[in-house]
């Protein structure tokens, strides 16, 4: 198993610890509306503070083009202080004299947020001079933003090259979960891949077909695979120009000993709207004016029976139009079954991606999965087998 340097390996007492976290939280009227990302970094920040380190937080917010007061991290500080239940100081820059004075002013065990790293163009360009300016305010670097680890930016990758670098607790949990799910998994391994388009997940399907025993395809993507088998999919979302690609993926998977699982029945409607008139039918019975909006009960039963024999589950993307009732039923039913198998100790379940997290929350199943990643792009790139610059700098 690949190993990473973690906070357990770091001596933080009396040191200035630069901690890269994810503060890219949703805001409305100047208030944070979802505390999930803040709550996830609490273990890292309190661990360093309680061990006598000076906690110096680095983060980005939004996509500013230069200094933009509407994207200042100052607005996040009160919510972070509430979640931490301790004071949090703020500095109006992340480099230079302003930052240096603020770092000097805090005592061991105290916490400081530096201003949005993306206010400087050197951040996204990973400019050596900007990396050096950031590093001037720390003795060691802790990476705790897996969600930004796929970007080779100054505060995610550059700092890890010029100073001792360690994974924070959130990063460590994410790396442990992903390693357990894909690098050293207990078999059989099932991957569920849903979502609208095959075209956005070609790399993902290719990589997973080499690593898993069952590849369950749902969402609009499944329609393209059904069309590749010669099934009529009516007005369903379908990339007809990719049917040859779908056939190639199925053939490649078979060579790798991976079985692709497609719906055996579906829920169809003539309109894409909540509570539209709908019916369950076999995959050979979709009418020309109908669209497939979810998997049917036999498909749910089939997927659940596969999960019942599995030891590991990796999930990215919903089965149907989960945002519209009752077309959330397939996703909710499979999520509930996976959550119960996990709770009973039969399954290691790892899920990630924005729609996936929303769907699992909707099903009330997220807190019963082994690990749910909020990382989005980084989670996908890991599943695609791509290197993550912000992780590579932590390898021992």
Protein backbone atom coordinates (compact mmCIF):
# COMPACT_ATOMS: atom_id res chain seq x y z
CA UNK A 1 0.00 0.00 0.00
CA UNK A 2 1.37 3.43 -0.89
CA UNK A 3 2.28 5.30 2.23
CA UNK A 4 2.12 9.00 2.92
CA UNK A 5 3.66 11.21 5.56
CA UNK A 6 0.92 12.22 8.00
CA UNK A 7 0.56 14.50 11.02
CA UNK A 8 1.65 11.55 13.17
CA UNK A 9 5.13 11.99 11.66
CA UNK A 10 5.28 15.76 12.28
CA UNK A 11 6.71 17.64 15.27
CA UNK A 12 4.53 20.75 15.33
CA UNK A 13 5.26 22.13 18.80
CA UNK A 14 6.27 25.79 18.59
CA UNK A 15 6.34 25.58 14.77
CA UNK A 16 4.52 27.73 12.21
CA UNK A 17 2.38 25.19 10.39
CA UNK A 18 1.02 26.17 6.97
CA UNK A 19 -2.21 24.19 6.54
CA UNK A 20 -3.81 24.08 3.08
CA UNK A 21 -7.54 23.45 3.54
CA UNK A 22 -10.72 23.70 1.47
CA UNK A 23 -12.72 26.79 2.45
CA UNK A 24 -14.56 26.96 -0.88
CA UNK A 25 -17.94 26.86 0.87
CA UNK A 26 -21.36 28.00 -0.42
CA UNK A 27 -22.29 31.53 0.73
CA UNK A 28 -25.53 33.49 0.70
CA UNK A 29 -25.88 37.09 1.91
CA UNK A 30 -22.38 36.89 3.40
CA UNK A 31 -23.17 33.76 5.44
CA UNK A 32 -21.90 30.19 4.98
CA UNK A 33 -24.88 27.97 4.05
CA UNK A 34 -23.22 24.53 4.30
CA UNK A 35 -20.68 23.81 7.05
CA UNK A 36 -19.62 20.34 5.80
CA UNK A 37 -16.19 21.38 4.51
CA UNK A 38 -15.47 23.42 7.65
CA UNK A 39 -16.47 20.54 9.92
CA UNK A 40 -14.17 18.17 8.04
CA UNK A 41 -11.03 20.22 8.74
CA UNK A 42 -11.66 20.55 12.50
CA UNK A 43 -9.65 17.41 13.46
CA UNK A 44 -6.53 18.66 11.65
CA UNK A 45 -6.68 22.22 13.00
CA UNK A 46 -7.39 21.20 16.60
CA UNK A 47 -4.72 18.48 16.51
CA UNK A 48 -2.02 20.98 15.47
CA UNK A 49 -3.25 23.68 17.87
CA UNK A 50 -3.53 21.29 20.83
CA UNK A 51 0.02 20.07 20.17
CA UNK A 52 1.32 23.65 20.41
CA UNK A 53 1.66 24.53 16.73
CA UNK A 54 0.85 27.93 15.25
CA UNK A 55 -1.93 27.15 12.76
CA UNK A 56 -1.62 29.27 9.60
CA UNK A 57 -4.45 28.49 7.17
CA UNK A 58 -4.07 28.78 3.38
CA UNK A 59 -7.06 28.41 1.05
CA UNK A 60 -8.70 29.72 -2.09
CA UNK A 61 -12.26 30.93 -2.53
CA UNK A 62 -14.01 31.13 -5.89
CA UNK A 63 -12.22 32.11 -9.09
CA UNK A 64 -11.16 35.74 -8.60
CA UNK A 65 -9.15 37.52 -11.27
CA UNK A 66 -6.88 39.38 -8.88
CA UNK A 67 -8.02 41.02 -5.63
CA UNK A 68 -11.81 40.90 -5.29
CA UNK A 69 -13.34 41.86 -1.91
CA UNK A 70 -16.48 39.85 -2.72
CA UNK A 71 -14.31 36.70 -2.67
CA UNK A 72 -12.39 37.45 0.50
CA UNK A 73 -11.94 34.65 3.02
CA UNK A 74 -12.75 37.13 5.79
CA UNK A 75 -16.44 36.22 5.40
CA UNK A 76 -15.70 32.56 6.21
CA UNK A 77 -13.82 33.28 9.46
CA UNK A 78 -16.86 33.69 11.81
CA UNK A 79 -18.34 30.34 10.68
CA UNK A 80 -14.95 28.62 11.06
CA UNK A 81 -14.57 30.04 14.58
CA UNK A 82 -18.06 28.77 15.47
CA UNK A 83 -17.29 25.27 14.20
CA UNK A 84 -13.90 25.19 15.97
CA UNK A 85 -15.32 26.76 19.16
CA UNK A 86 -12.19 28.91 19.44
CA UNK A 87 -11.05 32.32 18.12
CA UNK A 88 -9.71 32.60 14.58
CA UNK A 89 -7.60 35.58 13.45
CA UNK A 90 -7.50 36.92 9.88
CA UNK A 91 -4.79 38.57 7.75
CA UNK A 92 -5.66 40.65 4.69
CA UNK A 93 -2.94 39.05 2.53
CA UNK A 94 -1.34 35.62 2.26
CA UNK A 95 2.22 36.86 1.59
CA UNK A 96 4.42 39.86 2.39
CA UNK A 97 4.56 42.08 5.45
CA UNK A 98 0.84 41.88 6.29
CA UNK A 99 0.96 38.07 6.45
CA UNK A 100 4.32 37.99 8.28
CA UNK A 101 3.13 40.35 11.02
CA UNK A 102 -0.09 38.38 11.52
CA UNK A 103 1.83 35.09 11.81
CA UNK A 104 4.22 36.66 14.33
CA UNK A 105 1.28 37.96 16.37
CA UNK A 106 -0.35 34.58 17.03
CA UNK A 107 0.90 32.33 19.82
CA UNK A 108 1.37 28.54 19.72
CA UNK A 109 -2.06 26.90 19.80
CA UNK A 110 -3.74 29.81 18.01
CA UNK A 111 -5.29 29.87 14.53
CA UNK A 112 -4.93 32.38 11.69
CA UNK A 113 -6.58 32.48 8.25
CA UNK A 114 -4.55 34.16 5.50
CA UNK A 115 -6.37 35.87 2.61
CA UNK A 116 -7.44 34.04 -0.57
CA UNK A 117 -4.35 32.60 -2.30
CA UNK A 118 -5.98 33.17 -5.71
CA UNK A 119 -5.78 36.96 -5.24
CA UNK A 120 -2.23 36.41 -6.58
CA UNK A 121 -1.69 35.08 -10.11
CA UNK A 122 1.34 33.11 -8.87
CA UNK A 123 -1.00 30.68 -7.09
CA UNK A 124 -2.55 28.98 -10.13
CA UNK A 125 0.67 29.33 -12.15
CA UNK A 126 2.64 27.68 -9.31
CA UNK A 127 5.30 30.40 -9.67
CA UNK A 128 8.47 29.65 -7.67
CA UNK A 129 8.66 33.21 -6.28
CA UNK A 130 5.09 32.99 -4.99
CA UNK A 131 5.78 29.56 -3.47
CA UNK A 132 8.81 31.06 -1.72
CA UNK A 133 6.73 33.98 -0.41
CA UNK A 134 4.13 31.58 1.02
CA UNK A 135 6.80 29.32 2.52
CA UNK A 136 8.38 32.29 4.33
CA UNK A 137 5.50 32.14 6.84
CA UNK A 138 5.87 28.49 7.81
CA UNK A 139 8.25 25.84 9.08
CA UNK A 140 6.29 22.90 7.71
CA UNK A 141 3.36 22.23 5.40
CA UNK A 142 0.21 20.20 6.03
CA UNK A 143 -1.99 19.35 3.03
CA UNK A 144 -5.63 18.86 4.02
CA UNK A 145 -7.49 19.77 0.82
CA UNK A 146 -7.84 16.56 -1.20
CA UNK A 147 -10.48 18.41 -3.23
CA UNK A 148 -7.73 20.65 -4.66
CA UNK A 149 -5.05 17.95 -4.91
CA UNK A 150 -5.54 17.44 -8.66
CA UNK A 151 -4.28 20.98 -9.26
CA UNK A 152 -0.53 21.71 -9.31
CA UNK A 153 -0.90 25.14 -7.68
CA UNK A 154 1.54 26.92 -5.38
CA UNK A 155 -0.39 26.19 -2.17
CA UNK A 156 -1.35 22.61 -3.09
CA UNK A 157 1.81 21.24 -4.71
CA UNK A 158 4.52 23.91 -4.77
CA UNK A 159 4.87 24.16 -0.98
CA UNK A 160 5.21 20.38 -0.69
CA UNK A 161 8.31 20.57 -2.86
CA UNK A 162 10.15 23.20 -0.78
CA UNK A 163 9.32 22.28 2.83
CA UNK A 164 8.55 19.20 4.95
CA UNK A 165 5.04 18.09 3.86
CA UNK A 166 2.44 15.98 5.67
CA UNK A 167 -1.14 14.84 5.08
CA UNK A 168 -3.71 16.35 7.45
CA UNK A 169 -6.45 14.20 9.01
CA UNK A 170 -9.04 14.84 6.26
CA UNK A 171 -6.51 14.11 3.52
CA UNK A 172 -5.34 11.01 5.41
CA UNK A 173 -8.92 9.68 5.75
CA UNK A 174 -9.54 10.25 2.05
CA UNK A 175 -6.30 8.57 0.96
CA UNK A 176 -6.88 5.62 3.31
CA UNK A 177 -10.43 5.14 2.00
CA UNK A 178 -9.46 5.36 -1.67
CA UNK A 179 -6.45 3.08 -1.22
CA UNK A 180 -8.66 0.56 0.57
CA UNK A 181 -11.28 0.73 -2.19
CA UNK A 182 -9.12 0.58 -5.32
CA UNK A 183 -5.46 -0.15 -4.65
CA UNK A 184 -5.73 -3.00 -2.12
CA UNK A 185 -9.44 -3.89 -2.14
CA UNK A 186 -11.16 -6.93 -0.74
CA UNK A 187 -12.85 -8.74 -3.64
CA UNK A 188 -15.30 -8.92 -5.29
CA UNK A 189 -15.20 -5.18 -6.09
CA UNK A 190 -18.27 -3.45 -7.56
CA UNK A 191 -18.14 0.00 -9.17
CA UNK A 192 -21.34 1.92 -9.80
CA UNK A 193 -20.90 4.62 -12.44
CA UNK A 194 -23.89 6.78 -13.29
CA UNK A 195 -24.53 10.22 -14.68
CA UNK A 196 -25.61 11.65 -17.98
CA UNK A 197 -22.82 11.12 -20.48
CA UNK A 198 -20.37 8.39 -21.42
CA UNK A 199 -18.19 11.06 -23.09
CA UNK A 200 -17.31 12.65 -19.72
CA UNK A 201 -16.39 9.33 -18.11
CA UNK A 202 -14.41 7.45 -20.76
CA UNK A 203 -11.15 7.49 -18.75
CA UNK A 204 -13.04 6.46 -15.63
CA UNK A 205 -14.75 3.48 -17.28
CA UNK A 206 -11.48 2.41 -18.90
CA UNK A 207 -9.53 2.46 -15.64
CA UNK A 208 -12.25 0.86 -13.51
CA UNK A 209 -12.76 -1.99 -15.99
CA UNK A 210 -9.16 -3.04 -15.24
CA UNK A 211 -9.64 -2.94 -11.46
CA UNK A 212 -13.15 -4.10 -10.56
CA UNK A 213 -15.12 -7.33 -10.90
CA UNK A 214 -18.51 -5.75 -11.68
CA UNK A 215 -19.04 -2.40 -13.40
CA UNK A 216 -22.65 -1.31 -12.92
CA UNK A 217 -23.65 1.44 -15.36
CA UNK A 218 -26.62 3.69 -14.64
CA UNK A 219 -28.07 7.08 -15.51
CA UNK A 220 -28.14 8.45 -19.05
CA UNK A 221 -24.86 6.62 -19.71
CA UNK A 222 -26.63 3.26 -19.54
CA UNK A 223 -28.83 4.26 -22.50
CA UNK A 224 -25.77 4.55 -24.74
CA UNK A 225 -24.71 1.02 -23.74
CA UNK A 226 -28.27 -0.28 -24.29
CA UNK A 227 -28.30 1.35 -27.74
CA UNK A 228 -24.96 -0.37 -28.43
CA UNK A 229 -26.76 -3.68 -27.81
CA UNK A 230 -29.36 -2.70 -30.40
CA UNK A 231 -32.06 -1.68 -27.91
CA UNK A 232 -34.45 1.14 -28.79
CA UNK A 233 -34.23 3.90 -26.16
CA UNK A 234 -36.91 6.28 -27.52
CA UNK A 235 -36.33 9.93 -26.64
CA UNK A 236 -33.92 9.06 -23.81
CA UNK A 237 -30.68 10.95 -23.30
CA UNK A 238 -28.28 8.88 -25.39
CA UNK A 239 -24.97 9.51 -27.18
CA UNK A 240 -25.69 7.51 -30.34
CA UNK A 241 -22.33 8.58 -31.81
CA UNK A 242 -20.58 6.66 -29.00
CA UNK A 243 -22.18 3.23 -29.43
CA UNK A 244 -18.96 1.85 -30.96
CA UNK A 245 -17.03 3.24 -27.99
CA UNK A 246 -19.50 1.56 -25.62
CA UNK A 247 -19.02 -1.77 -27.42
CA UNK A 248 -15.24 -1.39 -27.16
CA UNK A 249 -15.51 -0.71 -23.40
CA UNK A 250 -17.64 -3.86 -22.95
CA UNK A 251 -15.14 -5.96 -24.95
CA UNK A 252 -12.15 -4.55 -23.04
CA UNK A 253 -13.89 -5.17 -19.70
CA UNK A 254 -14.58 -8.79 -20.66
CA UNK A 255 -10.87 -9.27 -21.46
CA UNK A 256 -10.05 -7.95 -17.97
CA UNK A 257 -12.53 -10.32 -16.30
CA UNK A 258 -14.87 -7.43 -15.46
CA UNK A 259 -18.60 -7.90 -16.00
CA UNK A 260 -20.60 -4.88 -17.16
CA UNK A 261 -24.07 -4.72 -15.60
CA UNK A 262 -26.84 -2.82 -17.40
CA UNK A 263 -30.52 -2.30 -16.51
CA UNK A 264 -32.91 -5.20 -17.20
CA UNK A 265 -36.00 -3.04 -16.72
CA UNK A 266 -36.55 0.72 -16.65
CA UNK A 267 -38.96 3.46 -15.60
CA UNK A 268 -40.20 5.45 -18.61
CA UNK A 269 -42.12 8.71 -19.01
CA UNK A 270 -43.06 11.01 -21.88
CA UNK A 271 -42.11 14.17 -19.94
CA UNK A 272 -39.00 15.11 -17.98
CA UNK A 273 -40.67 16.49 -14.84
CA UNK A 274 -41.40 15.50 -11.25
CA UNK A 275 -44.34 13.10 -10.82
CA UNK A 276 -44.79 12.75 -14.59
CA UNK A 277 -47.05 9.89 -15.65
CA UNK A 278 -44.72 6.87 -15.94
CA UNK A 279 -44.54 3.10 -16.29
CA UNK A 280 -42.11 0.26 -15.66
CA UNK A 281 -41.16 -1.78 -18.71
CA UNK A 282 -38.57 -4.23 -19.98
CA UNK A 283 -35.61 -2.81 -21.89
CA UNK A 284 -37.10 -4.14 -25.15
CA UNK A 285 -40.38 -2.28 -24.62
CA UNK A 286 -39.45 1.43 -24.60
CA UNK A 287 -41.80 3.31 -26.95
CA UNK A 288 -40.43 5.88 -29.46
CA UNK A 289 -42.02 8.82 -27.58
CA UNK A 290 -40.78 7.69 -24.13
CA UNK A 291 -37.60 8.47 -22.22
CA UNK A 292 -35.86 6.29 -19.64
CA UNK A 293 -35.65 8.19 -16.32
CA UNK A 294 -34.70 5.46 -13.81
CA UNK A 295 -33.91 1.78 -13.41
CA UNK A 296 -36.83 -0.54 -12.64
CA UNK A 297 -37.45 -2.83 -9.63
CA UNK A 298 -35.87 -5.92 -11.27
CA UNK A 299 -32.71 -3.91 -12.00
CA UNK A 300 -32.62 -2.69 -8.39
CA UNK A 301 -32.98 -6.29 -7.18
CA UNK A 302 -30.21 -7.44 -9.53
CA UNK A 303 -27.75 -4.72 -8.40
CA UNK A 304 -28.58 -5.33 -4.73
CA UNK A 305 -27.94 -9.08 -5.18
CA UNK A 306 -24.50 -8.28 -6.68
CA UNK A 307 -23.73 -5.98 -3.73
CA UNK A 308 -24.78 -8.79 -1.38
CA UNK A 309 -21.91 -10.91 -2.73
CA UNK A 310 -19.40 -8.04 -2.89
CA UNK A 311 -16.81 -6.89 -0.37
CA UNK A 312 -16.00 -3.43 -1.80
CA UNK A 313 -18.11 -0.75 -3.52
CA UNK A 314 -16.95 2.39 -5.34
CA UNK A 315 -19.82 4.67 -6.38
CA UNK A 316 -19.82 7.70 -8.67
CA UNK A 317 -23.06 9.02 -10.18
CA UNK A 318 -26.80 8.34 -9.73
CA UNK A 319 -28.92 5.68 -11.50
CA UNK A 320 -31.63 7.99 -12.81
CA UNK A 321 -33.03 11.52 -12.69
CA UNK A 322 -32.73 11.40 -8.88
CA UNK A 323 -33.57 15.10 -8.55
CA UNK A 324 -37.14 14.36 -9.75
CA UNK A 325 -39.53 12.18 -7.76
CA UNK A 326 -40.30 9.31 -8.25
CA UNK A 327 -37.27 8.82 -10.53
CA UNK A 328 -34.99 8.83 -7.49
CA UNK A 329 -36.23 5.39 -6.45
CA UNK A 330 -33.47 3.34 -8.12
CA UNK A 331 -30.67 5.42 -6.61
CA UNK A 332 -32.32 5.59 -3.17
CA UNK A 333 -33.05 1.83 -3.05
CA UNK A 334 -29.51 0.78 -4.02
CA UNK A 335 -28.00 3.38 -1.65
CA UNK A 336 -30.12 2.07 1.22
CA UNK A 337 -29.04 -1.52 0.53
CA UNK A 338 -25.35 -0.53 0.31
CA UNK A 339 -25.63 1.46 3.55
CA UNK A 340 -27.18 -1.52 5.37
CA UNK A 341 -24.52 -3.94 4.08
CA UNK A 342 -21.85 -1.48 5.23
CA UNK A 343 -23.45 -1.07 8.66
CA UNK A 344 -23.58 -4.85 9.04
CA UNK A 345 -19.84 -5.06 8.29
CA UNK A 346 -20.21 -6.91 4.95
CA UNK A 347 -19.13 -4.09 2.62
CA UNK A 348 -16.52 -1.33 2.37
CA UNK A 349 -18.35 1.49 0.56
CA UNK A 350 -16.68 4.59 -0.87
CA UNK A 351 -18.63 7.21 -2.83
CA UNK A 352 -17.86 10.62 -4.30
CA UNK A 353 -18.80 13.30 -6.79
CA UNK A 354 -21.28 16.15 -6.33
CA UNK A 355 -24.42 14.41 -7.64
CA UNK A 356 -23.50 11.22 -5.81
CA UNK A 357 -23.16 12.98 -2.45
CA UNK A 358 -26.46 14.81 -3.02
CA UNK A 359 -28.20 11.54 -3.94
CA UNK A 360 -26.83 9.69 -0.90
CA UNK A 361 -27.86 12.54 1.39
CA UNK A 362 -31.33 12.48 -0.17
CA UNK A 363 -31.49 8.73 0.52
CA UNK A 364 -30.36 9.33 4.11
CA UNK A 365 -27.54 6.85 3.47
CA UNK A 366 -24.38 9.00 3.35
CA UNK A 367 -23.49 8.69 7.04
CA UNK A 368 -23.66 4.87 6.83
CA UNK A 369 -21.17 4.57 3.97
CA UNK A 370 -17.54 3.81 4.90
CA UNK A 371 -16.43 7.08 3.31
CA UNK A 372 -18.11 9.79 1.26
CA UNK A 373 -15.74 12.12 -0.57
CA UNK A 374 -16.73 15.74 -1.16
CA UNK A 375 -13.77 16.21 -3.50
CA UNK A 376 -15.42 16.15 -6.95
CA UNK A 377 -12.70 16.56 -9.59
CA UNK A 378 -9.88 15.09 -7.49
CA UNK A 379 -11.99 12.04 -6.59
CA UNK A 380 -12.75 11.45 -10.28
CA UNK A 381 -9.12 11.85 -11.34
CA UNK A 382 -8.04 9.34 -8.67
CA UNK A 383 -10.64 6.85 -10.00
CA UNK A 384 -9.35 7.52 -13.52
CA UNK A 385 -5.88 6.49 -12.38
CA UNK A 386 -4.38 9.92 -13.01
CA UNK A 387 -1.59 11.33 -10.81
CA UNK A 388 -2.63 13.95 -8.26
CA UNK A 389 0.17 16.54 -7.80
CA UNK A 390 -1.01 17.54 -4.31
CA UNK A 391 -0.88 13.90 -3.18
CA UNK A 392 2.39 12.93 -4.87
CA UNK A 393 4.35 15.46 -2.76
CA UNK A 394 3.25 13.57 0.38
CA UNK A 395 4.53 10.14 -0.63
CA UNK A 396 7.23 8.60 1.55
